[in-house]
Structure formats: C-alpha cells, structure tokens
C-alpha cells in the first residue's frame, strides 16, 4: 500500500528526463501532465478515505479483533483509516514528541490502541477491557 516518498519523486524525475530526452519540450509537457494527474488521483484518494472515515462515529470499529489482525508495522494513518472505517479517537500519550496514539473500540467493548511515530504504525495493542470514560 504505502511506499517511500523518495521512490515517487525519483519516478517523477525519471519521467521528466525520459520525456525530454525522447521528445524534447513536448515530452517534458507530457511528463508534467502525467505527474500532475497522478498527484490529483492521490489527493482524491486521500480525500475520499478521510470523508468516508469521518462519516462514522469517531473511534468506532466493527470488530476490534479484525482491525488488530490487519495492522502491521509501517502502515500510514491513511492506510489504517480504511481498515478501521472511522477516524480514531486521539489519545494523550507520554511518548515522544513525534508520536501519536489513536483508539478504536467495537460494540462489545474490545479496543485497539495504535501508536504511530513519524506518521507510521510502530505498535498496537488489543485490550479486552471495556472502554472507560473519556478523560
């Protein structure tokens, strides 16, 4: 799903060079057009995912166990949102400054807490205790 941003930028630079080398200014224009189109597709995908997740109650998930099973290290929050089906409830954490924590709970009281560092999933837990009052 996710990739390193440097790969995308390298492919864009390669498209520009190949376009110019193969067809001159017209090839350069074509490469720029394709790059802009690709960026618009990615923006549209992110917007659609966020809009869909925002329509569900914050922090709710159909099955915490299923979400827990689908998580893996390195996923971006944008990859987790479609898996959860809603925006996560932000949690205050005593972690590093670049760390974010989110919580999703199902109707049965099971909850998944996800820790992201620099925008990527680094750990998660499945907690069988009923969700307590928000604090």
C-alpha atoms as a PDB file:
ATOM      1  CA  UNK A   1       0.000   0.000   0.000  1.00  0.00           C
ATOM      2  CA  UNK A   2       2.432   2.610   1.175  1.00  0.00           C
ATOM      3  CA  UNK A   3       5.785   3.429  -0.328  1.00  0.00           C
ATOM      4  CA  UNK A   4       8.674   5.661   0.466  1.00  0.00           C
ATOM      5  CA  UNK A   5       8.144   9.198  -0.913  1.00  0.00           C
ATOM      6  CA  UNK A   6      11.640   9.205  -2.428  1.00  0.00           C
ATOM      7  CA  UNK A   7      10.571   6.458  -4.851  1.00  0.00           C
ATOM      8  CA  UNK A   8       7.694   8.600  -6.140  1.00  0.00           C
ATOM      9  CA  UNK A   9       9.913  11.640  -6.579  1.00  0.00           C
ATOM     10  CA  UNK A  10      12.575   9.538  -8.321  1.00  0.00           C
ATOM     11  CA  UNK A  11       9.968   8.174 -10.743  1.00  0.00           C
ATOM     12  CA  UNK A  12       8.705  11.699 -11.420  1.00  0.00           C
ATOM     13  CA  UNK A  13      12.248  12.909 -12.142  1.00  0.00           C
ATOM     14  CA  UNK A  14      12.828   9.888 -14.377  1.00  0.00           C
ATOM     15  CA  UNK A  15       9.617  10.668 -16.306  1.00  0.00           C
ATOM     16  CA  UNK A  16      10.765  14.268 -16.814  1.00  0.00           C
ATOM     17  CA  UNK A  17      14.200  13.209 -18.058  1.00  0.00           C
ATOM     18  CA  UNK A  18      12.811  10.458 -20.302  1.00  0.00           C
ATOM     19  CA  UNK A  19      10.145  12.763 -21.705  1.00  0.00           C
ATOM     20  CA  UNK A  20      12.645  15.484 -22.527  1.00  0.00           C
ATOM     21  CA  UNK A  21      15.246  13.061 -23.904  1.00  0.00           C
ATOM     22  CA  UNK A  22      12.715  11.262 -26.090  1.00  0.00           C
ATOM     23  CA  UNK A  23      10.500  14.068 -27.351  1.00  0.00           C
ATOM     24  CA  UNK A  24      12.024  17.368 -26.253  1.00  0.00           C
ATOM     25  CA  UNK A  25       9.723  20.075 -24.929  1.00  0.00           C
ATOM     26  CA  UNK A  26       6.594  18.126 -25.910  1.00  0.00           C
ATOM     27  CA  UNK A  27       7.796  15.131 -23.926  1.00  0.00           C
ATOM     28  CA  UNK A  28       8.512  17.379 -20.950  1.00  0.00           C
ATOM     29  CA  UNK A  29       4.968  18.801 -21.110  1.00  0.00           C
ATOM     30  CA  UNK A  30       3.534  15.275 -21.331  1.00  0.00           C
ATOM     31  CA  UNK A  31       5.588  14.145 -18.316  1.00  0.00           C
ATOM     32  CA  UNK A  32       4.450  17.159 -16.260  1.00  0.00           C
ATOM     33  CA  UNK A  33       0.832  16.478 -17.248  1.00  0.00           C
ATOM     34  CA  UNK A  34       1.081  12.830 -16.186  1.00  0.00           C
ATOM     35  CA  UNK A  35       2.729  13.796 -12.871  1.00  0.00           C
ATOM     36  CA  UNK A  36       0.030  16.375 -12.084  1.00  0.00           C
ATOM     37  CA  UNK A  37      -2.688  13.864 -12.994  1.00  0.00           C
ATOM     38  CA  UNK A  38      -1.108  11.254 -10.673  1.00  0.00           C
ATOM     39  CA  UNK A  39      -0.909  13.787  -7.825  1.00  0.00           C
ATOM     40  CA  UNK A  40      -4.580  14.692  -8.318  1.00  0.00           C
ATOM     41  CA  UNK A  41      -5.526  10.997  -8.184  1.00  0.00           C
ATOM     42  CA  UNK A  42      -3.601  10.559  -4.928  1.00  0.00           C
ATOM     43  CA  UNK A  43      -5.181  13.667  -3.416  1.00  0.00           C
ATOM     44  CA  UNK A  44      -8.647  12.467  -4.453  1.00  0.00           C
ATOM     45  CA  UNK A  45      -7.995   9.042  -2.887  1.00  0.00           C
ATOM     46  CA  UNK A  46      -6.883  10.619   0.394  1.00  0.00           C
ATOM     47  CA  UNK A  47      -9.882  12.959   0.428  1.00  0.00           C
ATOM     48  CA  UNK A  48     -12.316  10.087  -0.260  1.00  0.00           C
ATOM     49  CA  UNK A  49     -10.782   7.941   2.502  1.00  0.00           C
ATOM     50  CA  UNK A  50     -10.938  10.776   5.029  1.00  0.00           C
ATOM     51  CA  UNK A  51     -14.518  11.704   4.068  1.00  0.00           C
ATOM     52  CA  UNK A  52     -15.675   8.084   4.375  1.00  0.00           C
ATOM     53  CA  UNK A  53     -13.967   7.659   7.749  1.00  0.00           C
ATOM     54  CA  UNK A  54     -15.373  10.966   9.029  1.00  0.00           C
ATOM     55  CA  UNK A  55     -18.953   9.815   8.380  1.00  0.00           C
ATOM     56  CA  UNK A  56     -18.689   7.028  11.001  1.00  0.00           C
ATOM     57  CA  UNK A  57     -18.667   7.754  14.744  1.00  0.00           C
ATOM     58  CA  UNK A  58     -15.147   8.674  15.869  1.00  0.00           C
ATOM     59  CA  UNK A  59     -13.239   5.777  17.377  1.00  0.00           C
ATOM     60  CA  UNK A  60     -15.740   3.092  16.381  1.00  0.00           C
ATOM     61  CA  UNK A  61     -14.857  -0.078  14.514  1.00  0.00           C
ATOM     62  CA  UNK A  62     -16.987  -3.067  13.501  1.00  0.00           C
ATOM     63  CA  UNK A  63     -14.540  -5.555  15.068  1.00  0.00           C
ATOM     64  CA  UNK A  64     -11.508  -4.610  17.130  1.00  0.00           C
ATOM     65  CA  UNK A  65     -10.136  -8.133  16.714  1.00  0.00           C
ATOM     66  CA  UNK A  66     -10.303  -7.889  12.903  1.00  0.00           C
ATOM     67  CA  UNK A  67      -8.641  -4.464  12.909  1.00  0.00           C
ATOM     68  CA  UNK A  68      -5.934  -5.818  15.213  1.00  0.00           C
ATOM     69  CA  UNK A  69      -5.320  -8.719  12.808  1.00  0.00           C
ATOM     70  CA  UNK A  70      -4.983  -6.411   9.778  1.00  0.00           C
ATOM     71  CA  UNK A  71      -2.492  -3.976  11.313  1.00  0.00           C
ATOM     72  CA  UNK A  72       1.189  -4.208  10.511  1.00  0.00           C
ATOM     73  CA  UNK A  73       4.237  -2.053  11.187  1.00  0.00           C
ATOM     74  CA  UNK A  74       4.881   0.768   8.748  1.00  0.00           C
ATOM     75  CA  UNK A  75       1.258   1.440   7.750  1.00  0.00           C
ATOM     76  CA  UNK A  76       0.390   5.111   7.427  1.00  0.00           C
ATOM     77  CA  UNK A  77      -2.671   6.546   9.157  1.00  0.00           C
ATOM     78  CA  UNK A  78      -4.198   6.902   5.683  1.00  0.00           C
ATOM     79  CA  UNK A  79      -3.819   3.114   5.317  1.00  0.00           C
ATOM     80  CA  UNK A  80      -5.335   2.413   8.755  1.00  0.00           C
ATOM     81  CA  UNK A  81      -8.463   4.552   8.230  1.00  0.00           C
ATOM     82  CA  UNK A  82      -9.997   2.298   5.533  1.00  0.00           C
ATOM     83  CA  UNK A  83      -9.253  -0.757   7.699  1.00  0.00           C
ATOM     84  CA  UNK A  84     -10.994   0.795  10.707  1.00  0.00           C
ATOM     85  CA  UNK A  85     -13.775   2.521   8.789  1.00  0.00           C
ATOM     86  CA  UNK A  86     -13.666   5.603  11.028  1.00  0.00           C
ATOM     87  CA  UNK A  87     -11.321   8.228  12.400  1.00  0.00           C
ATOM     88  CA  UNK A  88      -9.520   7.083  15.527  1.00  0.00           C
ATOM     89  CA  UNK A  89     -10.036   8.761  18.859  1.00  0.00           C
ATOM     90  CA  UNK A  90      -6.787  10.617  19.650  1.00  0.00           C
ATOM     91  CA  UNK A  91      -5.223   9.625  22.967  1.00  0.00           C
ATOM     92  CA  UNK A  92      -2.868  11.680  25.090  1.00  0.00           C
ATOM     93  CA  UNK A  93       0.375   9.753  25.354  1.00  0.00           C
ATOM     94  CA  UNK A  94       3.528  10.062  27.374  1.00  0.00           C
ATOM     95  CA  UNK A  95       5.588   9.187  24.308  1.00  0.00           C
ATOM     96  CA  UNK A  96       7.965  11.108  22.122  1.00  0.00           C
ATOM     97  CA  UNK A  97       7.017  14.406  20.501  1.00  0.00           C
ATOM     98  CA  UNK A  98       6.693  12.690  17.097  1.00  0.00           C
ATOM     99  CA  UNK A  99       4.370  10.007  18.494  1.00  0.00           C
ATOM    100  CA  UNK A 100       0.607   9.831  18.028  1.00  0.00           C
ATOM    101  CA  UNK A 101      -1.843   7.431  19.685  1.00  0.00           C
ATOM    102  CA  UNK A 102      -5.318   6.517  18.486  1.00  0.00           C
ATOM    103  CA  UNK A 103      -8.032   4.232  19.820  1.00  0.00           C
ATOM    104  CA  UNK A 104     -10.854   2.324  18.131  1.00  0.00           C
ATOM    105  CA  UNK A 105     -13.485   0.301  20.036  1.00  0.00           C
ATOM    106  CA  UNK A 106     -16.206  -2.070  18.892  1.00  0.00           C
ATOM    107  CA  UNK A 107     -19.722  -2.512  20.296  1.00  0.00           C
ATOM    108  CA  UNK A 108     -18.531  -5.388  22.508  1.00  0.00           C
ATOM    109  CA  UNK A 109     -16.091  -3.160  24.384  1.00  0.00           C
ATOM    110  CA  UNK A 110     -12.898  -4.538  22.795  1.00  0.00           C
ATOM    111  CA  UNK A 111     -10.476  -1.840  21.771  1.00  0.00           C
ATOM    112  CA  UNK A 112      -7.381  -1.408  19.676  1.00  0.00           C
ATOM    113  CA  UNK A 113      -4.817   1.254  20.506  1.00  0.00           C
ATOM    114  CA  UNK A 114      -2.383   2.190  17.747  1.00  0.00           C
ATOM    115  CA  UNK A 115       0.891   4.068  18.189  1.00  0.00           C
ATOM    116  CA  UNK A 116       2.307   5.966  15.218  1.00  0.00           C
ATOM    117  CA  UNK A 117       5.748   7.519  15.084  1.00  0.00           C
ATOM    118  CA  UNK A 118       6.563   9.939  12.272  1.00  0.00           C
ATOM    119  CA  UNK A 119       3.215   9.037  10.703  1.00  0.00           C
ATOM    120  CA  UNK A 120       3.804   5.257  10.595  1.00  0.00           C
ATOM    121  CA  UNK A 121       2.380   2.469  12.761  1.00  0.00           C
ATOM    122  CA  UNK A 122       5.023   1.220  15.191  1.00  0.00           C
ATOM    123  CA  UNK A 123       2.890  -0.774  17.652  1.00  0.00           C
ATOM    124  CA  UNK A 124      -0.680  -1.623  18.590  1.00  0.00           C
ATOM    125  CA  UNK A 125      -2.495  -3.466  21.335  1.00  0.00           C
ATOM    126  CA  UNK A 126      -5.781  -5.311  21.647  1.00  0.00           C
ATOM    127  CA  UNK A 127      -7.304  -4.592  25.040  1.00  0.00           C
ATOM    128  CA  UNK A 128     -10.166  -6.805  26.161  1.00  0.00           C
ATOM    129  CA  UNK A 129     -11.235  -4.427  28.932  1.00  0.00           C
ATOM    130  CA  UNK A 130     -14.387  -2.375  28.379  1.00  0.00           C
ATOM    131  CA  UNK A 131     -13.679   1.176  27.315  1.00  0.00           C
ATOM    132  CA  UNK A 132     -13.610   3.542  30.271  1.00  0.00           C
ATOM    133  CA  UNK A 133     -14.916   7.100  30.408  1.00  0.00           C
ATOM    134  CA  UNK A 134     -13.138   9.573  28.201  1.00  0.00           C
ATOM    135  CA  UNK A 135     -10.632  11.545  30.147  1.00  0.00           C
END
